[in-house]
Amino acid sequence: MKNRCLSDMELSSLCGELSLLIHAGVGAADGLSLLAEEERGGAQRELLSSMAKEADCGMPLSAAMRQTGRFPLYVVGLVEVGERSGHLEEALQALSRYYEGRDRLDRQVRSSLLYPAVLLLVMLVVIVVLLVRVLPVFRDVYASLGGQLTGVAGGLLALGQALDAAMPVLCAVLALMVLGLGAFAASTSFRALVLAWWHRRRGDKGVSRQMGVARFAQALAMGLRSGLPLEESLELSETLLGDVPAAVRRCRDCQSRLAQGAGLAAALRDSQALPVAACRLLSLGLRSGTGDTVMEEIARRLTLESQEALEAKVARVEPALVLVTSVMVGVILLSVMLPLMHIMTAIG
């Protein structure tokens, strides 16, 4: 059963359904059996049936999840904490909401990246066609009029001829790019590899950092809501940031500050794990005894801010691509049309 980890949507659905069954008084083993019966077949039914058998033999739900190897460490850890603290239903509900939000964000990132990439590909194809197919026609027109393309137009014609010679290679590159975009859109594992590489390289800058901070806040809010001690909440939150080394360092710095006796809000602020304004709000919440509720609100705000920042970034990328490619097309056409107009005027 040690295959790929379940997707965010699968985790959200499973945790949500289990929390509802547990709320109705159904045990974990019986709940897993009921969910397995609802599945029409395939790997998901086999997974649930296997977990149901283990749970029916007395194995805790968290241990059954860990044994399959298909659940993230954060899910297993938080379910285990829920079992120990008697808040299993709340832990499963929190996990369901969290992974539903992650799935929504993943789809948003996917669409945000794919549309500009496809637009860029189309524009590049248009420019290549102009250079390779259209400019030679103008060259022939100039030759019939006793002139030749010079200056910018001549340079563009030479570029077009070079591109024409390298057309097989260009077609192969474009095909690979299209295949890569298709794999990114359709394959969860390939997308995870690409995003993991991106997080390691650029995961602590700009919008990526905002999204990482929002994930950290969501995880911390879940831990506090489930009655998890601060140290364990931070350790589990760190598992979600393992692909961003700088974020892991901030999380560990926060843990060391807590171990030295600092308060949670101060430790988060001094380690720069959360924005100063969020730490100030959390400090007020902790003093009033509503730290978990305030942390959930902070996570909600940070998530909303990261989504708005991503949308704003994409909103700037698309017009910039259109502007740059339109200017390039305009330069190509003007560099050819203006000399042609002079020749026609001279003939007239």
Protein backbone atom coordinates (compact mmCIF):
# COMPACT_ATOMS: atom_id res chain seq x y z
CA MET A 1 0.00 0.00 0.00
CA LYS A 2 2.99 2.29 0.06
CA ASN A 3 2.02 4.27 -3.03
CA ARG A 4 1.66 7.99 -3.53
CA CYS A 5 0.26 10.15 -0.76
CA LEU A 6 -3.41 10.99 -1.01
CA SER A 7 -4.21 14.26 -2.75
CA ASP A 8 -5.38 17.29 -0.79
CA MET A 9 -8.98 16.80 -1.95
CA GLU A 10 -8.92 13.11 -1.02
CA LEU A 11 -7.55 13.95 2.43
CA SER A 12 -10.16 16.67 2.95
CA SER A 13 -13.01 14.38 1.91
CA LEU A 14 -11.82 11.44 4.03
CA CYS A 15 -11.19 13.50 7.17
CA GLY A 16 -14.52 15.33 6.78
CA GLU A 17 -16.51 12.12 6.38
CA LEU A 18 -14.74 10.45 9.32
CA SER A 19 -15.43 13.46 11.56
CA LEU A 20 -19.14 13.30 10.69
CA LEU A 21 -19.30 9.59 11.44
CA ILE A 22 -17.46 10.00 14.73
CA HIS A 23 -19.80 12.86 15.65
CA ALA A 24 -22.72 10.47 15.02
CA GLY A 25 -21.22 7.97 17.46
CA VAL A 26 -19.70 5.59 14.90
CA GLY A 27 -16.30 4.17 15.82
CA ALA A 28 -13.25 4.64 13.62
CA ALA A 29 -13.22 0.99 12.45
CA ASP A 30 -16.92 0.97 11.57
CA GLY A 31 -16.62 4.37 9.94
CA LEU A 32 -13.77 3.19 7.71
CA SER A 33 -15.77 0.08 6.78
CA LEU A 34 -18.78 2.21 5.82
CA LEU A 35 -16.62 4.51 3.71
CA ALA A 36 -15.00 1.49 2.03
CA GLU A 37 -18.44 0.12 1.12
CA GLU A 38 -19.32 3.45 -0.51
CA GLU A 39 -16.30 3.24 -2.79
CA ARG A 40 -16.93 1.52 -6.11
CA GLY A 41 -13.54 -0.13 -6.14
CA GLY A 42 -9.92 0.58 -6.85
CA ALA A 43 -7.04 1.65 -4.66
CA GLN A 44 -9.18 3.89 -2.43
CA ARG A 45 -11.48 1.05 -1.40
CA GLU A 46 -8.52 -1.23 -0.78
CA LEU A 47 -6.89 1.43 1.38
CA LEU A 48 -10.00 2.01 3.49
CA SER A 49 -10.65 -1.72 3.88
CA SER A 50 -7.08 -2.32 5.03
CA MET A 51 -7.31 0.51 7.57
CA ALA A 52 -10.69 -0.76 8.78
CA LYS A 53 -9.24 -4.23 9.45
CA GLU A 54 -6.35 -2.79 11.42
CA ALA A 55 -8.64 -0.49 13.42
CA ASP A 56 -11.03 -3.40 14.10
CA CYS A 57 -8.11 -5.30 15.65
CA GLY A 58 -7.58 -2.45 18.12
CA MET A 59 -5.02 -0.37 16.25
CA PRO A 60 -5.53 3.41 16.70
CA LEU A 61 -6.60 5.37 13.64
CA SER A 62 -3.32 7.32 13.59
CA ALA A 63 -1.28 4.09 13.60
CA ALA A 64 -3.40 2.65 10.79
CA MET A 65 -2.79 5.81 8.77
CA ARG A 66 0.94 5.71 9.42
CA GLN A 67 1.16 2.05 8.40
CA THR A 68 -0.28 2.72 4.94
CA GLY A 69 2.41 5.27 4.14
CA ARG A 70 -0.12 7.31 2.17
CA PHE A 71 -0.87 10.02 4.71
CA PRO A 72 1.34 13.09 5.36
CA LEU A 73 3.14 13.18 8.69
CA TYR A 74 1.12 16.21 9.70
CA VAL A 75 -2.17 14.33 9.30
CA VAL A 76 -0.91 11.32 11.27
CA GLY A 77 0.52 13.55 14.01
CA LEU A 78 -2.60 15.65 14.46
CA VAL A 79 -4.90 12.60 14.46
CA GLU A 80 -2.69 11.03 17.12
CA VAL A 81 -2.92 14.18 19.22
CA GLY A 82 -6.70 14.18 18.78
CA GLU A 83 -6.85 10.60 20.01
CA ARG A 84 -4.72 11.38 23.06
CA SER A 85 -6.63 14.53 23.98
CA GLY A 86 -10.12 13.22 23.20
CA HIS A 87 -10.57 15.77 20.38
CA LEU A 88 -10.38 13.40 17.42
CA GLU A 89 -13.53 14.81 15.84
CA GLU A 90 -12.21 18.39 16.06
CA ALA A 91 -8.81 17.35 14.69
CA LEU A 92 -10.42 15.64 11.68
CA GLN A 93 -12.64 18.66 11.05
CA ALA A 94 -9.65 20.98 11.17
CA LEU A 95 -7.72 18.74 8.78
CA SER A 96 -10.68 18.62 6.40
CA ARG A 97 -10.92 22.42 6.29
CA TYR A 98 -7.16 22.82 5.95
CA TYR A 99 -6.73 20.43 3.04
CA GLU A 100 -9.81 21.80 1.31
CA GLY A 101 -8.15 25.22 1.44
CA ARG A 102 -4.88 23.76 0.18
CA ASP A 103 -6.65 22.11 -2.73
CA ARG A 104 -8.37 25.39 -3.61
CA LEU A 105 -5.05 27.23 -3.47
CA ASP A 106 -3.34 24.54 -5.54
CA ARG A 107 -5.94 24.87 -8.28
CA GLN A 108 -5.58 28.65 -8.17
CA VAL A 109 -1.79 28.45 -8.49
CA ARG A 110 -2.13 25.97 -11.34
CA SER A 111 -4.50 28.17 -13.32
CA SER A 112 -2.47 31.29 -12.50
CA LEU A 113 0.69 29.74 -13.89
CA LEU A 114 -0.80 27.95 -16.87
CA TYR A 115 -2.65 30.82 -18.55
CA PRO A 116 0.34 33.21 -18.80
CA ALA A 117 2.54 30.33 -19.94
CA VAL A 118 0.14 29.35 -22.72
CA LEU A 119 -0.23 33.01 -23.72
CA LEU A 120 3.55 33.36 -23.94
CA LEU A 121 3.81 30.24 -26.09
CA VAL A 122 1.16 31.51 -28.51
CA MET A 123 2.86 34.90 -28.80
CA LEU A 124 6.25 33.27 -29.41
CA VAL A 125 4.74 31.15 -32.18
CA VAL A 126 3.27 34.30 -33.79
CA ILE A 127 6.63 36.08 -33.68
CA VAL A 128 8.48 33.05 -35.11
CA VAL A 129 5.95 32.82 -37.98
CA LEU A 130 6.46 36.52 -38.75
CA LEU A 131 10.23 36.15 -38.78
CA VAL A 132 10.37 32.89 -40.72
CA ARG A 133 7.45 33.18 -43.16
CA VAL A 134 6.38 36.82 -43.52
CA LEU A 135 9.73 38.64 -43.67
CA PRO A 136 11.03 36.54 -46.62
CA VAL A 137 7.95 37.67 -48.59
CA PHE A 138 8.87 41.30 -47.97
CA ARG A 139 12.48 40.53 -48.94
CA ASP A 140 11.27 39.23 -52.29
CA VAL A 141 9.12 42.36 -52.77
CA TYR A 142 12.14 44.57 -52.04
CA ALA A 143 14.27 42.54 -54.45
CA SER A 144 11.70 42.95 -57.24
CA LEU A 145 11.80 46.71 -56.66
CA GLY A 146 15.58 46.79 -56.82
CA GLY A 147 16.19 47.21 -53.08
CA GLN A 148 17.02 45.09 -50.07
CA LEU A 149 16.20 44.90 -46.40
CA THR A 150 18.72 46.74 -44.24
CA GLY A 151 19.02 47.95 -40.66
CA VAL A 152 16.57 46.46 -38.19
CA ALA A 153 14.61 44.69 -40.90
CA GLY A 154 17.79 43.11 -42.27
CA GLY A 155 18.78 41.93 -38.82
CA LEU A 156 15.33 40.48 -38.22
CA LEU A 157 15.47 38.72 -41.58
CA ALA A 158 18.82 37.15 -40.63
CA LEU A 159 17.28 36.08 -37.32
CA GLY A 160 14.34 34.59 -39.17
CA GLN A 161 16.64 32.64 -41.46
CA ALA A 162 18.53 31.30 -38.45
CA LEU A 163 15.27 30.28 -36.81
CA ASP A 164 14.15 28.62 -40.02
CA ALA A 165 17.34 26.58 -40.08
CA ALA A 166 16.81 25.61 -36.44
CA MET A 167 13.10 24.88 -36.90
CA PRO A 168 13.31 21.14 -36.02
CA VAL A 169 15.01 22.00 -32.74
CA LEU A 170 12.49 24.78 -32.03
CA CYS A 171 9.58 22.43 -32.70
CA ALA A 172 11.08 19.87 -30.32
CA VAL A 173 11.55 22.52 -27.62
CA LEU A 174 7.99 23.79 -28.06
CA ALA A 175 6.67 20.23 -27.91
CA LEU A 176 8.57 19.62 -24.67
CA MET A 177 7.18 22.84 -23.23
CA VAL A 178 3.62 21.86 -24.15
CA LEU A 179 4.13 18.39 -22.68
CA GLY A 180 5.56 19.93 -19.51
CA LEU A 181 2.57 22.24 -19.15
CA GLY A 182 0.20 19.34 -19.72
CA ALA A 183 1.99 17.19 -17.14
CA PHE A 184 1.98 20.06 -14.65
CA ALA A 185 -1.77 20.47 -15.08
CA ALA A 186 -2.69 16.77 -15.06
CA SER A 187 -0.13 15.00 -12.87
CA THR A 188 -0.23 15.58 -9.12
CA SER A 189 3.17 13.96 -8.53
CA PHE A 190 4.91 15.95 -11.29
CA ARG A 191 3.33 19.17 -10.04
CA ALA A 192 4.52 18.36 -6.53
CA LEU A 193 8.08 17.86 -7.78
CA VAL A 194 8.05 21.16 -9.68
CA LEU A 195 6.55 23.08 -6.76
CA ALA A 196 9.03 21.47 -4.33
CA TRP A 197 11.93 22.60 -6.55
CA TRP A 198 10.42 26.09 -6.74
CA HIS A 199 9.96 26.24 -2.97
CA ARG A 200 13.60 25.29 -2.41
CA ARG A 201 14.80 27.97 -4.86
CA ARG A 202 12.31 30.81 -4.43
CA GLY A 203 9.97 29.64 -1.68
CA ASP A 204 10.99 32.34 0.79
CA LYS A 205 10.53 35.37 -1.43
CA GLY A 206 7.58 37.47 -2.51
CA VAL A 207 4.23 35.77 -2.91
CA SER A 208 5.73 32.34 -2.19
CA ARG A 209 6.78 33.51 1.26
CA GLN A 210 3.31 34.93 1.94
CA MET A 211 1.76 31.61 0.98
CA GLY A 212 4.22 29.74 3.19
CA VAL A 213 3.46 31.99 6.17
CA ALA A 214 -0.26 31.40 5.60
CA ARG A 215 0.30 27.62 5.58
CA PHE A 216 2.30 27.88 8.80
CA ALA A 217 -0.44 29.95 10.46
CA GLN A 218 -3.13 27.48 9.37
CA ALA A 219 -1.17 24.56 10.77
CA LEU A 220 -0.48 26.37 14.04
CA ALA A 221 -4.16 27.30 14.35
CA MET A 222 -5.14 23.66 13.89
CA GLY A 223 -2.70 22.53 16.53
CA LEU A 224 -3.91 25.07 19.08
CA ARG A 225 -7.56 24.30 18.29
CA SER A 226 -6.95 20.58 18.87
CA GLY A 227 -5.38 21.14 22.29
CA LEU A 228 -1.85 20.42 21.12
CA PRO A 229 1.01 21.84 23.26
CA LEU A 230 2.81 24.77 21.71
CA GLU A 231 6.05 22.87 21.14
CA GLU A 232 4.30 20.00 19.36
CA SER A 233 2.18 22.43 17.34
CA LEU A 234 5.34 24.10 16.06
CA GLU A 235 7.02 20.76 15.34
CA LEU A 236 4.06 19.60 13.29
CA SER A 237 3.81 22.96 11.53
CA GLU A 238 7.47 22.60 10.58
CA THR A 239 6.64 19.42 8.63
CA LEU A 240 4.56 21.52 6.21
CA LEU A 241 7.52 23.83 5.53
CA GLY A 242 10.20 21.19 5.06
CA ASP A 243 10.74 22.17 1.42
CA VAL A 244 11.61 25.79 2.35
CA PRO A 245 14.89 25.79 4.34
CA ALA A 246 14.59 29.44 5.49
CA ALA A 247 11.06 28.81 6.83
CA VAL A 248 12.29 25.75 8.72
CA ARG A 249 15.06 27.83 10.31
CA ARG A 250 12.54 30.44 11.45
CA CYS A 251 10.32 27.74 12.92
CA ARG A 252 13.20 26.20 14.84
CA ASP A 253 14.29 29.63 16.04
CA CYS A 254 10.78 30.15 17.37
CA GLN A 255 10.93 26.79 19.17
CA SER A 256 14.24 27.70 20.80
CA ARG A 257 12.83 31.03 21.98
CA LEU A 258 9.86 29.24 23.51
CA ALA A 259 12.24 26.83 25.26
CA GLN A 260 14.05 29.87 26.73
CA GLY A 261 10.80 31.10 28.29
CA ALA A 262 9.52 33.60 25.72
CA GLY A 263 5.80 33.88 25.10
CA LEU A 264 4.28 32.47 21.91
CA ALA A 265 3.51 35.86 20.35
CA ALA A 266 6.96 37.24 21.20
CA ALA A 267 8.72 34.12 19.91
CA LEU A 268 6.79 34.23 16.63
CA ARG A 269 7.53 37.96 16.24
CA ASP A 270 11.26 37.80 17.07
CA SER A 271 11.81 34.77 14.80
CA GLN A 272 9.84 36.51 12.02
CA ALA A 273 7.66 33.44 11.63
CA LEU A 274 4.55 35.67 11.51
CA PRO A 275 4.07 39.37 10.69
CA VAL A 276 4.33 41.85 13.56
CA ALA A 277 0.67 42.88 13.31
CA ALA A 278 -0.45 39.24 13.52
CA CYS A 279 1.76 38.64 16.58
CA ARG A 280 0.31 41.72 18.28
CA LEU A 281 -3.21 40.43 17.66
CA LEU A 282 -2.27 36.97 18.91
CA SER A 283 -0.81 38.47 22.08
CA LEU A 284 -4.14 40.15 22.83
CA GLY A 285 -5.97 36.91 22.14
CA LEU A 286 -3.74 34.90 24.45
CA ARG A 287 -4.23 37.40 27.26
CA SER A 288 -8.01 37.18 26.85
CA GLY A 289 -8.02 33.37 26.72
CA THR A 290 -9.07 33.14 23.06
CA GLY A 291 -5.70 32.38 21.52
CA ASP A 292 -6.94 29.50 19.35
CA THR A 293 -9.83 31.54 17.94
CA VAL A 294 -7.59 34.53 17.24
CA MET A 295 -5.00 32.25 15.60
CA GLU A 296 -7.68 30.90 13.27
CA GLU A 297 -8.64 34.45 12.30
CA ILE A 298 -4.98 35.32 11.70
CA ALA A 299 -4.61 32.25 9.47
CA ARG A 300 -7.75 33.23 7.55
CA ARG A 301 -6.48 36.78 6.99
CA LEU A 302 -3.00 35.67 5.94
CA THR A 303 -4.48 33.14 3.53
CA LEU A 304 -6.72 35.79 2.01
CA GLU A 305 -3.79 38.22 1.71
CA SER A 306 -1.61 35.60 -0.01
CA GLN A 307 -4.39 34.78 -2.48
CA GLU A 308 -4.92 38.47 -3.25
CA ALA A 309 -1.16 38.94 -3.72
CA LEU A 310 -1.06 36.00 -6.12
CA GLU A 311 -4.00 37.37 -8.10
CA ALA A 312 -2.35 40.80 -8.25
CA LYS A 313 0.90 39.25 -9.49
CA VAL A 314 -0.90 37.35 -12.23
CA ALA A 315 -2.91 40.47 -13.14
CA ARG A 316 0.40 42.25 -13.80
CA VAL A 317 1.99 39.38 -15.71
CA GLU A 318 -0.69 38.98 -18.37
CA PRO A 319 -0.77 42.64 -19.57
CA ALA A 320 3.04 42.74 -19.48
CA LEU A 321 3.25 39.68 -21.74
CA VAL A 322 0.70 41.13 -24.16
CA LEU A 323 2.48 44.50 -24.18
CA VAL A 324 5.97 43.09 -24.79
CA THR A 325 4.90 40.70 -27.53
CA SER A 326 2.70 43.34 -29.19
CA VAL A 327 5.64 45.76 -29.24
CA MET A 328 7.86 43.08 -30.77
CA VAL A 329 5.29 42.34 -33.49
CA GLY A 330 4.86 46.07 -34.13
CA VAL A 331 8.64 46.62 -34.46
CA ILE A 332 8.88 43.77 -36.95
CA LEU A 333 6.08 45.13 -39.12
CA LEU A 334 7.18 48.76 -38.95
CA SER A 335 10.80 47.91 -39.77
CA VAL A 336 9.53 46.37 -43.01
CA MET A 337 6.62 48.66 -43.89
CA LEU A 338 8.40 52.02 -43.48
CA PRO A 339 11.19 51.31 -46.01
CA LEU A 340 8.60 49.83 -48.34
CA MET A 341 6.56 53.03 -48.12
CA HIS A 342 9.66 55.09 -49.03
CA ILE A 343 10.31 52.90 -52.06
CA MET A 344 6.68 53.15 -53.20
CA THR A 345 6.82 56.93 -52.75
CA ALA A 346 10.01 57.12 -54.82
CA ILE A 347 8.46 55.01 -57.57
CA GLY A 348 5.30 57.12 -57.53
